[in-house]
Amino acid sequence: MTKLRVADFYYGAVLSMLFNQGIMKPALIEGNDDRQVYDFTTNPGNEYRLFMKYRVEKQDKKSPDYSSWSFNITKDHQELKNYIEKGYNVVLALVCRPKDLAKSELVLLNKEQILQIINTGKMTFTVKWKKHGRYYRIPRIGENSSDLTVKYNSFEELFKTRTSLNN
């Protein structure tokens, strides 16, 4: 019997979502419990390198309307930077799981946003989200004015899917 890892559920959810959109043909480059890396091409012919990580929300939340997830890129930052420097269209998919698995969030970062995080020199970063918010926030230096904002639903825009191309 094949045993499923916890990571399989998170990474599988992202792949399932991408497959269901009918836009990709993936190839696994490397994977382990902490991350997975895929190359894929979308139907309009755009190529991407998808780098996935997941985290479970801290249970000691200050407010029920506020969520945050901490990600560590200590082992990954140089690899991500190398992919970008080699010309790959890198997307960092962050699966953010709250206490209720069915309310999990998917934060997608493009290569410019990834470089902004890497260039802070910090090897960990936090994704924050306020209930009903339109953006995720990633603090970079500690002041709200320097936060990186990531659009709440950037899937179509980021992957340039058929749906977004027809609008």
C-alpha atoms as a PDB file:
ATOM      1  CA  MET A   1       0.000   0.000   0.000  1.00  0.00           C
ATOM      2  CA  THR A   2       1.306   3.447  -0.898  1.00  0.00           C
ATOM      3  CA  LYS A   3       1.337   5.929   1.968  1.00  0.00           C
ATOM      4  CA  LEU A   4       0.253   9.493   1.324  1.00  0.00           C
ATOM      5  CA  ARG A   5       2.232  12.295   2.897  1.00  0.00           C
ATOM      6  CA  VAL A   6       0.568  15.420   4.297  1.00  0.00           C
ATOM      7  CA  ALA A   7       2.412  17.395   1.621  1.00  0.00           C
ATOM      8  CA  ASP A   8       0.649  15.342  -1.089  1.00  0.00           C
ATOM      9  CA  PHE A   9      -2.705  16.802  -0.049  1.00  0.00           C
ATOM     10  CA  TYR A  10      -1.508  20.401  -0.313  1.00  0.00           C
ATOM     11  CA  TYR A  11       0.471  20.055  -3.529  1.00  0.00           C
ATOM     12  CA  GLY A  12      -2.228  17.844  -5.028  1.00  0.00           C
ATOM     13  CA  ALA A  13      -4.845  20.509  -4.346  1.00  0.00           C
ATOM     14  CA  VAL A  14      -2.853  23.091  -6.308  1.00  0.00           C
ATOM     15  CA  LEU A  15      -2.284  20.703  -9.215  1.00  0.00           C
ATOM     16  CA  SER A  16      -5.935  19.666  -9.221  1.00  0.00           C
ATOM     17  CA  MET A  17      -6.989  23.304  -9.436  1.00  0.00           C
ATOM     18  CA  LEU A  18      -4.611  23.883 -12.354  1.00  0.00           C
ATOM     19  CA  PHE A  19      -5.728  20.699 -14.156  1.00  0.00           C
ATOM     20  CA  ASN A  20      -9.405  21.578 -13.688  1.00  0.00           C
ATOM     21  CA  GLN A  21      -8.764  24.918 -15.384  1.00  0.00           C
ATOM     22  CA  GLY A  22      -7.644  22.888 -18.415  1.00  0.00           C
ATOM     23  CA  ILE A  23      -4.631  25.088 -18.964  1.00  0.00           C
ATOM     24  CA  MET A  24      -1.547  23.093 -18.127  1.00  0.00           C
ATOM     25  CA  LYS A  25       0.678  20.145 -18.935  1.00  0.00           C
ATOM     26  CA  PRO A  26       3.021  19.624 -15.930  1.00  0.00           C
ATOM     27  CA  ALA A  27       6.352  17.886 -15.416  1.00  0.00           C
ATOM     28  CA  LEU A  28       7.681  17.300 -11.874  1.00  0.00           C
ATOM     29  CA  ILE A  29      11.235  18.653 -11.577  1.00  0.00           C
ATOM     30  CA  GLU A  30      11.823  17.842  -7.893  1.00  0.00           C
ATOM     31  CA  GLY A  31       9.850  17.384  -4.720  1.00  0.00           C
ATOM     32  CA  ASN A  32       9.893  16.595  -1.019  1.00  0.00           C
ATOM     33  CA  ASP A  33       7.751  17.299   2.060  1.00  0.00           C
ATOM     34  CA  ASP A  34       8.809  20.950   2.173  1.00  0.00           C
ATOM     35  CA  ARG A  35       8.312  21.890  -1.484  1.00  0.00           C
ATOM     36  CA  GLN A  36       7.674  20.743  -5.034  1.00  0.00           C
ATOM     37  CA  VAL A  37       8.845  22.198  -8.339  1.00  0.00           C
ATOM     38  CA  TYR A  38       7.024  21.701 -11.648  1.00  0.00           C
ATOM     39  CA  ASP A  39       7.543  22.959 -15.176  1.00  0.00           C
ATOM     40  CA  PHE A  40       4.376  23.461 -17.184  1.00  0.00           C
ATOM     41  CA  THR A  41       3.044  25.081 -20.310  1.00  0.00           C
ATOM     42  CA  THR A  42      -0.376  26.721 -20.522  1.00  0.00           C
ATOM     43  CA  ASN A  43      -2.706  26.354 -23.487  1.00  0.00           C
ATOM     44  CA  PRO A  44      -1.831  29.788 -24.881  1.00  0.00           C
ATOM     45  CA  GLY A  45       1.812  28.556 -24.945  1.00  0.00           C
ATOM     46  CA  ASN A  46       3.283  30.305 -21.900  1.00  0.00           C
ATOM     47  CA  GLU A  47       5.909  28.327 -19.951  1.00  0.00           C
ATOM     48  CA  TYR A  48       6.254  28.451 -16.173  1.00  0.00           C
ATOM     49  CA  ARG A  49       8.295  26.929 -13.383  1.00  0.00           C
ATOM     50  CA  LEU A  50       5.921  26.425 -10.449  1.00  0.00           C
ATOM     51  CA  PHE A  51       7.560  26.277  -7.025  1.00  0.00           C
ATOM     52  CA  MET A  52       5.106  25.200  -4.265  1.00  0.00           C
ATOM     53  CA  LYS A  53       5.271  25.422  -0.475  1.00  0.00           C
ATOM     54  CA  TYR A  54       2.600  25.041   2.212  1.00  0.00           C
ATOM     55  CA  ARG A  55       2.047  26.060   5.818  1.00  0.00           C
ATOM     56  CA  VAL A  56      -0.615  25.604   8.454  1.00  0.00           C
ATOM     57  CA  GLU A  57      -1.861  28.704  10.258  1.00  0.00           C
ATOM     58  CA  LYS A  58      -0.800  29.343  13.831  1.00  0.00           C
ATOM     59  CA  GLN A  59      -3.572  28.373  16.232  1.00  0.00           C
ATOM     60  CA  ASP A  60      -2.998  31.276  18.663  1.00  0.00           C
ATOM     61  CA  LYS A  61      -4.632  33.932  16.469  1.00  0.00           C
ATOM     62  CA  LYS A  62      -5.263  37.389  17.902  1.00  0.00           C
ATOM     63  CA  SER A  63      -8.458  37.881  15.904  1.00  0.00           C
ATOM     64  CA  PRO A  64     -10.828  35.546  14.021  1.00  0.00           C
ATOM     65  CA  ASP A  65     -10.799  38.036  11.121  1.00  0.00           C
ATOM     66  CA  TYR A  66      -7.020  37.911  10.699  1.00  0.00           C
ATOM     67  CA  SER A  67      -4.817  35.068   9.444  1.00  0.00           C
ATOM     68  CA  SER A  68      -1.077  34.657   8.914  1.00  0.00           C
ATOM     69  CA  TRP A  69       1.314  31.979   7.709  1.00  0.00           C
ATOM     70  CA  SER A  70       5.117  32.000   8.026  1.00  0.00           C
ATOM     71  CA  PHE A  71       7.252  30.592   5.219  1.00  0.00           C
ATOM     72  CA  ASN A  72      10.938  29.741   5.336  1.00  0.00           C
ATOM     73  CA  ILE A  73      13.001  30.081   2.163  1.00  0.00           C
ATOM     74  CA  THR A  74      16.412  29.513   3.730  1.00  0.00           C
ATOM     75  CA  LYS A  75      17.134  26.465   1.550  1.00  0.00           C
ATOM     76  CA  ASP A  76      15.206  27.758  -1.468  1.00  0.00           C
ATOM     77  CA  HIS A  77      16.143  31.404  -1.957  1.00  0.00           C
ATOM     78  CA  GLN A  78      19.274  30.802  -4.048  1.00  0.00           C
ATOM     79  CA  GLU A  79      17.527  28.207  -6.207  1.00  0.00           C
ATOM     80  CA  LEU A  80      14.594  30.562  -6.833  1.00  0.00           C
ATOM     81  CA  LYS A  81      16.987  33.383  -7.689  1.00  0.00           C
ATOM     82  CA  ASN A  82      18.954  31.112 -10.049  1.00  0.00           C
ATOM     83  CA  TYR A  83      15.770  30.050 -11.875  1.00  0.00           C
ATOM     84  CA  ILE A  84      14.805  33.694 -12.366  1.00  0.00           C
ATOM     85  CA  GLU A  85      18.311  34.669 -13.526  1.00  0.00           C
ATOM     86  CA  LYS A  86      18.247  31.794 -16.049  1.00  0.00           C
ATOM     87  CA  GLY A  87      15.073  33.273 -17.560  1.00  0.00           C
ATOM     88  CA  TYR A  88      12.433  30.936 -16.135  1.00  0.00           C
ATOM     89  CA  ASN A  89       8.996  32.450 -15.608  1.00  0.00           C
ATOM     90  CA  VAL A  90       8.884  31.431 -11.937  1.00  0.00           C
ATOM     91  CA  VAL A  91       5.684  31.353  -9.900  1.00  0.00           C
ATOM     92  CA  LEU A  92       5.792  30.694  -6.157  1.00  0.00           C
ATOM     93  CA  ALA A  93       2.537  29.042  -5.039  1.00  0.00           C
ATOM     94  CA  LEU A  94       1.970  29.299  -1.288  1.00  0.00           C
ATOM     95  CA  VAL A  95      -0.756  27.040   0.085  1.00  0.00           C
ATOM     96  CA  CYS A  96      -1.998  28.689   3.285  1.00  0.00           C
ATOM     97  CA  ARG A  97      -4.126  26.422   5.423  1.00  0.00           C
ATOM     98  CA  PRO A  98      -6.315  27.755   8.258  1.00  0.00           C
ATOM     99  CA  LYS A  99      -7.786  25.509  10.940  1.00  0.00           C
ATOM    100  CA  ASP A 100     -10.620  24.574   8.545  1.00  0.00           C
ATOM    101  CA  LEU A 101      -8.930  22.795   5.613  1.00  0.00           C
ATOM    102  CA  ALA A 102     -11.804  23.697   3.261  1.00  0.00           C
ATOM    103  CA  LYS A 103     -10.988  27.401   3.717  1.00  0.00           C
ATOM    104  CA  SER A 104      -7.387  27.094   2.535  1.00  0.00           C
ATOM    105  CA  GLU A 105      -5.924  29.956   0.513  1.00  0.00           C
ATOM    106  CA  LEU A 106      -3.570  29.942  -2.474  1.00  0.00           C
ATOM    107  CA  VAL A 107      -1.200  32.898  -2.736  1.00  0.00           C
ATOM    108  CA  LEU A 108       0.600  33.186  -6.074  1.00  0.00           C
ATOM    109  CA  LEU A 109       3.756  35.282  -6.385  1.00  0.00           C
ATOM    110  CA  ASN A 110       5.339  36.253  -9.708  1.00  0.00           C
ATOM    111  CA  LYS A 111       9.098  36.474 -10.198  1.00  0.00           C
ATOM    112  CA  GLU A 112       9.242  40.211  -9.415  1.00  0.00           C
ATOM    113  CA  GLN A 113       7.482  39.669  -6.091  1.00  0.00           C
ATOM    114  CA  ILE A 114       9.755  36.702  -5.300  1.00  0.00           C
ATOM    115  CA  LEU A 115      12.827  38.860  -5.911  1.00  0.00           C
ATOM    116  CA  GLN A 116      11.423  41.618  -3.678  1.00  0.00           C
ATOM    117  CA  ILE A 117      11.203  39.100  -0.831  1.00  0.00           C
ATOM    118  CA  ILE A 118      14.648  37.607  -1.515  1.00  0.00           C
ATOM    119  CA  ASN A 119      16.237  41.062  -1.761  1.00  0.00           C
ATOM    120  CA  THR A 120      15.150  41.916   1.796  1.00  0.00           C
ATOM    121  CA  GLY A 121      17.785  39.412   2.951  1.00  0.00           C
ATOM    122  CA  LYS A 122      15.276  37.731   5.252  1.00  0.00           C
ATOM    123  CA  MET A 123      15.015  33.967   4.970  1.00  0.00           C
ATOM    124  CA  THR A 124      11.503  33.845   6.407  1.00  0.00           C
ATOM    125  CA  PHE A 125       8.455  35.878   5.527  1.00  0.00           C
ATOM    126  CA  THR A 126       4.842  36.023   6.638  1.00  0.00           C
ATOM    127  CA  VAL A 127       1.717  36.114   4.500  1.00  0.00           C
ATOM    128  CA  LYS A 128      -1.087  38.027   6.229  1.00  0.00           C
ATOM    129  CA  TRP A 129      -4.722  38.233   5.266  1.00  0.00           C
ATOM    130  CA  LYS A 130      -7.703  40.013   6.781  1.00  0.00           C
ATOM    131  CA  LYS A 131     -11.138  38.427   6.300  1.00  0.00           C
ATOM    132  CA  HIS A 132     -12.858  39.812   3.158  1.00  0.00           C
ATOM    133  CA  GLY A 133      -9.593  41.505   2.136  1.00  0.00           C
ATOM    134  CA  ARG A 134      -8.685  42.051  -1.502  1.00  0.00           C
ATOM    135  CA  TYR A 135      -4.952  41.647  -0.953  1.00  0.00           C
ATOM    136  CA  TYR A 136      -2.519  39.512   0.982  1.00  0.00           C
ATOM    137  CA  ARG A 137       0.211  41.454   2.735  1.00  0.00           C
ATOM    138  CA  ILE A 138       3.820  40.364   3.111  1.00  0.00           C
ATOM    139  CA  PRO A 139       5.709  42.657   5.512  1.00  0.00           C
ATOM    140  CA  ARG A 140       9.205  43.376   4.244  1.00  0.00           C
ATOM    141  CA  ILE A 141      10.779  45.727   6.758  1.00  0.00           C
ATOM    142  CA  GLY A 142       8.240  46.022   9.538  1.00  0.00           C
ATOM    143  CA  GLU A 143       6.359  49.150   8.509  1.00  0.00           C
ATOM    144  CA  ASN A 144       2.981  48.847   6.776  1.00  0.00           C
ATOM    145  CA  SER A 145       4.093  51.272   4.059  1.00  0.00           C
ATOM    146  CA  SER A 146       6.762  48.808   2.936  1.00  0.00           C
ATOM    147  CA  ASP A 147       4.486  45.771   2.756  1.00  0.00           C
ATOM    148  CA  LEU A 148       4.353  43.827  -0.460  1.00  0.00           C
ATOM    149  CA  THR A 149       0.711  43.460  -1.520  1.00  0.00           C
ATOM    150  CA  VAL A 150      -0.443  40.470  -3.524  1.00  0.00           C
ATOM    151  CA  LYS A 151      -3.811  40.516  -5.253  1.00  0.00           C
ATOM    152  CA  TYR A 152      -6.283  38.099  -3.621  1.00  0.00           C
ATOM    153  CA  ASN A 153      -7.292  36.327  -6.828  1.00  0.00           C
ATOM    154  CA  SER A 154      -4.426  36.689  -9.289  1.00  0.00           C
ATOM    155  CA  PHE A 155      -4.648  33.265 -10.955  1.00  0.00           C
ATOM    156  CA  GLU A 156      -5.990  34.288 -14.366  1.00  0.00           C
ATOM    157  CA  GLU A 157      -3.839  37.402 -14.545  1.00  0.00           C
ATOM    158  CA  LEU A 158      -0.679  35.534 -13.565  1.00  0.00           C
ATOM    159  CA  PHE A 159      -1.145  32.507 -15.798  1.00  0.00           C
ATOM    160  CA  LYS A 160      -2.733  34.439 -18.673  1.00  0.00           C
ATOM    161  CA  THR A 161      -5.441  31.809 -19.082  1.00  0.00           C
ATOM    162  CA  ARG A 162      -7.945  31.653 -21.907  1.00  0.00           C
ATOM    163  CA  THR A 163     -10.623  33.195 -19.699  1.00  0.00           C
ATOM    164  CA  SER A 164      -8.537  36.279 -18.975  1.00  0.00           C
ATOM    165  CA  LEU A 165      -7.344  36.555 -22.573  1.00  0.00           C
ATOM    166  CA  ASN A 166     -10.940  36.645 -23.820  1.00  0.00           C
ATOM    167  CA  ASN A 167     -11.875  39.625 -21.609  1.00  0.00           C
END
